[in-house]
Amino acid sequence: MMKKLFKCTVCNFIWEGENPPAVCPKCGQPHEKFAELTSENADKVYKSERTNDIHAEIITLIDRIIALSREGIELDLDPACVSGFKQAISEGYIIKQRAKAEIENHIGKGKW
C-alpha cells in the first residue's frame, strides 16, 4: 500500500506518511502549510523516483569524466590525445545539461 504524500506549500518539500509532519523538515513551517497530493500526483512522484536518481548520478559521473579529461589535457601527451579529452569535455557538458533539463522537466511536472 502506497503511503500518502504531503507537499509543503512554502518550500515544496515532500513528506511521506499518514499525516504531514508537525513542522516542515526543510523550512520549519507548521503542518498546516502541507497539502496532500492526489493519488495521481503521488503516483508520478513514486514512479519517477528512480529515474530522478539516475539523472543525478549521470551528472555526478559526467563531472568526474570532465575532471579526468582536464587532467589529461594538462598532461599534454600529444595533440590527438588532447583533442580527445577536449571532445570528451564538450560531449560531457551536453550529456550533463540534458540530464539537468530532464530533472527540471520532472520538477515542473510534479515528478520529483
N, C-alpha and C. Protein backbone atom coordinates (compact mmCIF):
# COMPACT_ATOMS: atom_id res chain seq x y z
N MET A 1 0.83 -1.19 0.00
CA MET A 1 0.00 0.00 0.00
C MET A 1 0.88 1.25 0.00
N MET A 2 0.59 2.16 -0.90
CA MET A 2 1.34 3.39 -1.01
C MET A 2 0.97 4.35 0.13
N LYS A 3 1.98 4.94 0.75
CA LYS A 3 1.72 5.93 1.79
C LYS A 3 1.26 7.22 1.15
N LYS A 4 0.69 8.08 1.96
CA LYS A 4 0.27 9.39 1.48
C LYS A 4 1.50 10.28 1.34
N LEU A 5 1.40 11.23 0.41
CA LEU A 5 2.44 12.23 0.24
C LEU A 5 1.85 13.60 0.51
N PHE A 6 2.59 14.41 1.24
CA PHE A 6 2.18 15.77 1.58
C PHE A 6 3.27 16.72 1.11
N LYS A 7 2.87 17.83 0.48
CA LYS A 7 3.83 18.78 -0.05
C LYS A 7 3.71 20.10 0.69
N CYS A 8 4.85 20.61 1.16
CA CYS A 8 4.87 21.92 1.82
C CYS A 8 4.57 22.98 0.77
N THR A 9 3.59 23.81 1.04
CA THR A 9 3.20 24.83 0.07
C THR A 9 4.14 26.03 0.09
N VAL A 10 5.08 26.04 1.04
CA VAL A 10 6.05 27.13 1.12
C VAL A 10 7.33 26.78 0.36
N CYS A 11 7.90 25.58 0.61
CA CYS A 11 9.21 25.24 0.03
C CYS A 11 9.18 24.02 -0.91
N ASN A 12 8.02 23.37 -1.05
CA ASN A 12 7.83 22.20 -1.93
C ASN A 12 8.44 20.91 -1.42
N PHE A 13 8.87 20.86 -0.16
CA PHE A 13 9.36 19.61 0.43
C PHE A 13 8.23 18.60 0.43
N ILE A 14 8.53 17.35 0.07
CA ILE A 14 7.51 16.29 0.06
C ILE A 14 7.76 15.36 1.24
N TRP A 15 6.70 15.11 2.00
CA TRP A 15 6.73 14.25 3.19
C TRP A 15 5.91 13.01 2.92
N GLU A 16 6.44 11.85 3.30
CA GLU A 16 5.73 10.59 3.13
C GLU A 16 5.26 10.12 4.50
N GLY A 17 3.98 9.79 4.61
CA GLY A 17 3.44 9.30 5.87
C GLY A 17 1.93 9.33 5.87
N GLU A 18 1.37 8.98 7.00
CA GLU A 18 -0.09 9.00 7.12
C GLU A 18 -0.61 10.42 7.36
N ASN A 19 0.24 11.27 7.93
CA ASN A 19 -0.11 12.66 8.22
C ASN A 19 1.10 13.53 7.92
N PRO A 20 0.88 14.82 7.70
CA PRO A 20 2.04 15.70 7.50
C PRO A 20 2.84 15.83 8.79
N PRO A 21 4.11 16.23 8.70
CA PRO A 21 4.91 16.39 9.92
C PRO A 21 4.42 17.59 10.72
N ALA A 22 4.79 17.63 11.99
CA ALA A 22 4.41 18.77 12.84
C ALA A 22 4.98 20.07 12.28
N VAL A 23 6.24 19.99 11.81
CA VAL A 23 6.87 21.13 11.15
C VAL A 23 7.64 20.61 9.93
N CYS A 24 7.78 21.46 8.93
CA CYS A 24 8.50 21.07 7.72
C CYS A 24 9.98 20.89 8.05
N PRO A 25 10.56 19.72 7.69
CA PRO A 25 11.98 19.49 7.95
C PRO A 25 12.91 20.43 7.17
N LYS A 26 12.40 21.04 6.11
CA LYS A 26 13.23 21.94 5.31
C LYS A 26 13.11 23.39 5.76
N CYS A 27 11.87 23.89 5.87
CA CYS A 27 11.71 25.33 6.12
C CYS A 27 11.10 25.66 7.48
N GLY A 28 10.69 24.64 8.24
CA GLY A 28 10.20 24.87 9.60
C GLY A 28 8.76 25.36 9.70
N GLN A 29 8.05 25.38 8.59
CA GLN A 29 6.65 25.83 8.64
C GLN A 29 5.79 24.76 9.33
N PRO A 30 4.67 25.18 9.94
CA PRO A 30 3.80 24.22 10.64
C PRO A 30 3.05 23.30 9.67
N HIS A 31 2.51 22.21 10.22
CA HIS A 31 1.84 21.18 9.40
C HIS A 31 0.69 21.73 8.57
N GLU A 32 0.12 22.84 8.99
CA GLU A 32 -0.99 23.43 8.22
C GLU A 32 -0.56 23.89 6.83
N LYS A 33 0.73 24.05 6.63
CA LYS A 33 1.25 24.50 5.33
C LYS A 33 1.43 23.34 4.34
N PHE A 34 1.09 22.12 4.77
CA PHE A 34 1.21 20.96 3.89
C PHE A 34 -0.12 20.66 3.23
N ALA A 35 -0.04 20.26 1.96
CA ALA A 35 -1.23 19.83 1.22
C ALA A 35 -1.00 18.39 0.77
N GLU A 36 -2.01 17.56 0.92
CA GLU A 36 -1.89 16.17 0.49
C GLU A 36 -1.93 16.10 -1.03
N LEU A 37 -1.01 15.34 -1.61
CA LEU A 37 -1.01 15.15 -3.06
C LEU A 37 -2.12 14.17 -3.43
N THR A 38 -2.71 14.39 -4.58
CA THR A 38 -3.69 13.44 -5.08
C THR A 38 -2.99 12.12 -5.34
N SER A 39 -3.75 11.04 -5.42
CA SER A 39 -3.13 9.74 -5.69
C SER A 39 -2.43 9.75 -7.05
N GLU A 40 -2.98 10.48 -8.02
CA GLU A 40 -2.36 10.59 -9.34
C GLU A 40 -1.00 11.29 -9.25
N ASN A 41 -0.93 12.39 -8.50
CA ASN A 41 0.34 13.11 -8.36
C ASN A 41 1.33 12.34 -7.50
N ALA A 42 0.84 11.64 -6.49
CA ALA A 42 1.73 10.82 -5.67
C ALA A 42 2.32 9.69 -6.51
N ASP A 43 1.50 9.11 -7.38
CA ASP A 43 1.96 8.05 -8.26
C ASP A 43 3.08 8.55 -9.17
N LYS A 44 2.96 9.77 -9.68
CA LYS A 44 4.00 10.37 -10.52
C LYS A 44 5.32 10.47 -9.74
N VAL A 45 5.23 10.91 -8.49
CA VAL A 45 6.43 11.06 -7.65
C VAL A 45 7.08 9.70 -7.45
N TYR A 46 6.31 8.70 -7.07
CA TYR A 46 6.87 7.37 -6.83
C TYR A 46 7.46 6.75 -8.10
N LYS A 47 6.77 6.88 -9.23
CA LYS A 47 7.25 6.28 -10.47
C LYS A 47 8.52 6.94 -10.98
N SER A 48 8.70 8.21 -10.70
CA SER A 48 9.87 8.92 -11.22
C SER A 48 11.06 8.91 -10.27
N GLU A 49 10.89 8.35 -9.08
CA GLU A 49 11.97 8.40 -8.08
C GLU A 49 13.28 7.81 -8.61
N ARG A 50 13.23 6.65 -9.22
CA ARG A 50 14.47 6.02 -9.69
C ARG A 50 15.09 6.78 -10.86
N THR A 51 14.26 7.24 -11.81
CA THR A 51 14.85 7.96 -12.94
C THR A 51 15.47 9.28 -12.49
N ASN A 52 14.88 9.94 -11.50
CA ASN A 52 15.50 11.15 -10.96
C ASN A 52 16.87 10.82 -10.39
N ASP A 53 16.98 9.72 -9.65
CA ASP A 53 18.26 9.31 -9.08
C ASP A 53 19.27 8.99 -10.18
N ILE A 54 18.81 8.36 -11.25
CA ILE A 54 19.70 8.02 -12.36
C ILE A 54 20.24 9.30 -13.00
N HIS A 55 19.36 10.26 -13.26
CA HIS A 55 19.82 11.53 -13.84
C HIS A 55 20.84 12.21 -12.94
N ALA A 56 20.60 12.22 -11.64
CA ALA A 56 21.55 12.83 -10.70
C ALA A 56 22.89 12.10 -10.72
N GLU A 57 22.85 10.78 -10.81
CA GLU A 57 24.09 10.00 -10.86
C GLU A 57 24.85 10.25 -12.16
N ILE A 58 24.14 10.39 -13.26
CA ILE A 58 24.77 10.70 -14.54
C ILE A 58 25.52 12.03 -14.43
N ILE A 59 24.90 13.02 -13.81
CA ILE A 59 25.55 14.32 -13.63
C ILE A 59 26.84 14.17 -12.84
N THR A 60 26.80 13.38 -11.78
CA THR A 60 28.00 13.14 -10.96
C THR A 60 29.09 12.44 -11.77
N LEU A 61 28.71 11.44 -12.54
CA LEU A 61 29.68 10.71 -13.36
C LEU A 61 30.30 11.62 -14.43
N ILE A 62 29.48 12.44 -15.05
CA ILE A 62 30.00 13.35 -16.07
C ILE A 62 30.97 14.35 -15.46
N ASP A 63 30.68 14.83 -14.25
CA ASP A 63 31.62 15.73 -13.58
C ASP A 63 32.98 15.05 -13.40
N ARG A 64 32.96 13.77 -13.10
CA ARG A 64 34.22 13.01 -12.94
C ARG A 64 34.92 12.86 -14.29
N ILE A 65 34.17 12.59 -15.35
CA ILE A 65 34.74 12.48 -16.70
C ILE A 65 35.38 13.81 -17.10
N ILE A 66 34.71 14.91 -16.83
CA ILE A 66 35.26 16.23 -17.17
C ILE A 66 36.55 16.49 -16.40
N ALA A 67 36.56 16.15 -15.11
CA ALA A 67 37.77 16.34 -14.29
C ALA A 67 38.94 15.49 -14.82
N LEU A 68 38.66 14.24 -15.16
CA LEU A 68 39.70 13.38 -15.72
C LEU A 68 40.21 13.91 -17.06
N SER A 69 39.30 14.40 -17.88
CA SER A 69 39.68 14.94 -19.18
C SER A 69 40.56 16.18 -19.02
N ARG A 70 40.24 17.03 -18.06
CA ARG A 70 41.08 18.20 -17.80
C ARG A 70 42.48 17.77 -17.36
N GLU A 71 42.54 16.71 -16.54
CA GLU A 71 43.85 16.18 -16.14
C GLU A 71 44.62 15.69 -17.36
N GLY A 72 43.93 14.99 -18.26
CA GLY A 72 44.57 14.51 -19.48
C GLY A 72 45.07 15.64 -20.35
N ILE A 73 44.31 16.74 -20.42
CA ILE A 73 44.75 17.91 -21.19
C ILE A 73 46.03 18.48 -20.59
N GLU A 74 46.07 18.58 -19.28
CA GLU A 74 47.25 19.12 -18.60
C GLU A 74 48.49 18.25 -18.85
N LEU A 75 48.31 16.94 -18.97
CA LEU A 75 49.45 16.06 -19.23
C LEU A 75 50.02 16.28 -20.64
N ASP A 76 49.17 16.71 -21.55
CA ASP A 76 49.59 17.15 -22.88
C ASP A 76 50.50 16.13 -23.58
N LEU A 77 50.03 14.87 -23.65
CA LEU A 77 50.84 13.81 -24.25
C LEU A 77 51.10 14.07 -25.74
N ASP A 78 50.04 14.30 -26.48
CA ASP A 78 50.18 14.63 -27.91
C ASP A 78 48.87 15.27 -28.36
N PRO A 79 48.88 15.92 -29.53
CA PRO A 79 47.69 16.65 -29.99
C PRO A 79 46.43 15.80 -30.10
N ALA A 80 46.55 14.58 -30.58
CA ALA A 80 45.37 13.72 -30.75
C ALA A 80 44.77 13.37 -29.38
N CYS A 81 45.62 13.10 -28.42
CA CYS A 81 45.17 12.77 -27.07
C CYS A 81 44.46 13.97 -26.45
N VAL A 82 45.06 15.13 -26.55
CA VAL A 82 44.47 16.35 -26.00
C VAL A 82 43.13 16.63 -26.69
N SER A 83 43.09 16.44 -27.99
CA SER A 83 41.86 16.64 -28.75
C SER A 83 40.74 15.72 -28.25
N GLY A 84 41.08 14.48 -27.98
CA GLY A 84 40.09 13.53 -27.46
C GLY A 84 39.55 13.95 -26.10
N PHE A 85 40.43 14.46 -25.25
CA PHE A 85 39.98 14.93 -23.94
C PHE A 85 39.09 16.17 -24.06
N LYS A 86 39.45 17.06 -24.97
CA LYS A 86 38.62 18.26 -25.19
C LYS A 86 37.24 17.87 -25.70
N GLN A 87 37.21 16.88 -26.59
CA GLN A 87 35.93 16.40 -27.12
C GLN A 87 35.10 15.75 -26.01
N ALA A 88 35.75 15.01 -25.12
CA ALA A 88 35.04 14.38 -24.00
C ALA A 88 34.41 15.44 -23.10
N ILE A 89 35.12 16.55 -22.89
CA ILE A 89 34.56 17.63 -22.07
C ILE A 89 33.34 18.22 -22.75
N SER A 90 33.45 18.48 -24.04
CA SER A 90 32.33 19.06 -24.79
C SER A 90 31.12 18.14 -24.79
N GLU A 91 31.34 16.87 -25.07
CA GLU A 91 30.24 15.90 -25.09
C GLU A 91 29.69 15.69 -23.69
N GLY A 92 30.58 15.68 -22.70
CA GLY A 92 30.13 15.53 -21.32
C GLY A 92 29.22 16.66 -20.90
N TYR A 93 29.56 17.87 -21.30
CA TYR A 93 28.72 19.02 -20.96
C TYR A 93 27.32 18.86 -21.55
N ILE A 94 27.23 18.37 -22.77
CA ILE A 94 25.92 18.17 -23.41
C ILE A 94 25.12 17.12 -22.64
N ILE A 95 25.75 16.02 -22.29
CA ILE A 95 25.06 14.96 -21.53
C ILE A 95 24.60 15.50 -20.18
N LYS A 96 25.47 16.25 -19.51
CA LYS A 96 25.13 16.82 -18.20
C LYS A 96 23.94 17.77 -18.32
N GLN A 97 23.96 18.64 -19.32
CA GLN A 97 22.86 19.60 -19.48
C GLN A 97 21.55 18.89 -19.84
N ARG A 98 21.64 17.81 -20.61
CA ARG A 98 20.45 17.04 -20.96
C ARG A 98 19.82 16.44 -19.70
N ALA A 99 20.67 15.88 -18.82
CA ALA A 99 20.17 15.30 -17.58
C ALA A 99 19.56 16.37 -16.68
N LYS A 100 20.20 17.53 -16.61
CA LYS A 100 19.66 18.63 -15.80
C LYS A 100 18.31 19.09 -16.34
N ALA A 101 18.21 19.19 -17.66
CA ALA A 101 16.95 19.61 -18.27
C ALA A 101 15.84 18.62 -17.96
N GLU A 102 16.16 17.34 -17.97
CA GLU A 102 15.14 16.33 -17.67
C GLU A 102 14.71 16.41 -16.21
N ILE A 103 15.66 16.66 -15.31
CA ILE A 103 15.30 16.84 -13.90
C ILE A 103 14.38 18.05 -13.76
N GLU A 104 14.71 19.13 -14.45
CA GLU A 104 13.86 20.32 -14.40
C GLU A 104 12.46 20.02 -14.94
N ASN A 105 12.39 19.23 -16.02
CA ASN A 105 11.08 18.83 -16.55
C ASN A 105 10.30 18.01 -15.53
N HIS A 106 10.97 17.10 -14.86
CA HIS A 106 10.30 16.29 -13.84
C HIS A 106 9.76 17.18 -12.72
N ILE A 107 10.56 18.11 -12.27
CA ILE A 107 10.13 19.01 -11.19
C ILE A 107 8.90 19.80 -11.65
N GLY A 108 8.96 20.32 -12.88
CA GLY A 108 7.84 21.11 -13.40
C GLY A 108 6.56 20.31 -13.54
N LYS A 109 6.69 19.00 -13.71
CA LYS A 109 5.51 18.15 -13.85
C LYS A 109 5.12 17.47 -12.53
N GLY A 110 5.77 17.89 -11.43
CA GLY A 110 5.46 17.31 -10.12
C GLY A 110 6.01 15.91 -9.91
N LYS A 111 6.99 15.53 -10.72
CA LYS A 111 7.56 14.17 -10.62
C LYS A 111 8.91 14.21 -9.92
N TRP A 112 8.94 14.80 -8.75
CA TRP A 112 10.20 14.88 -8.01
C TRP A 112 9.98 14.47 -6.58
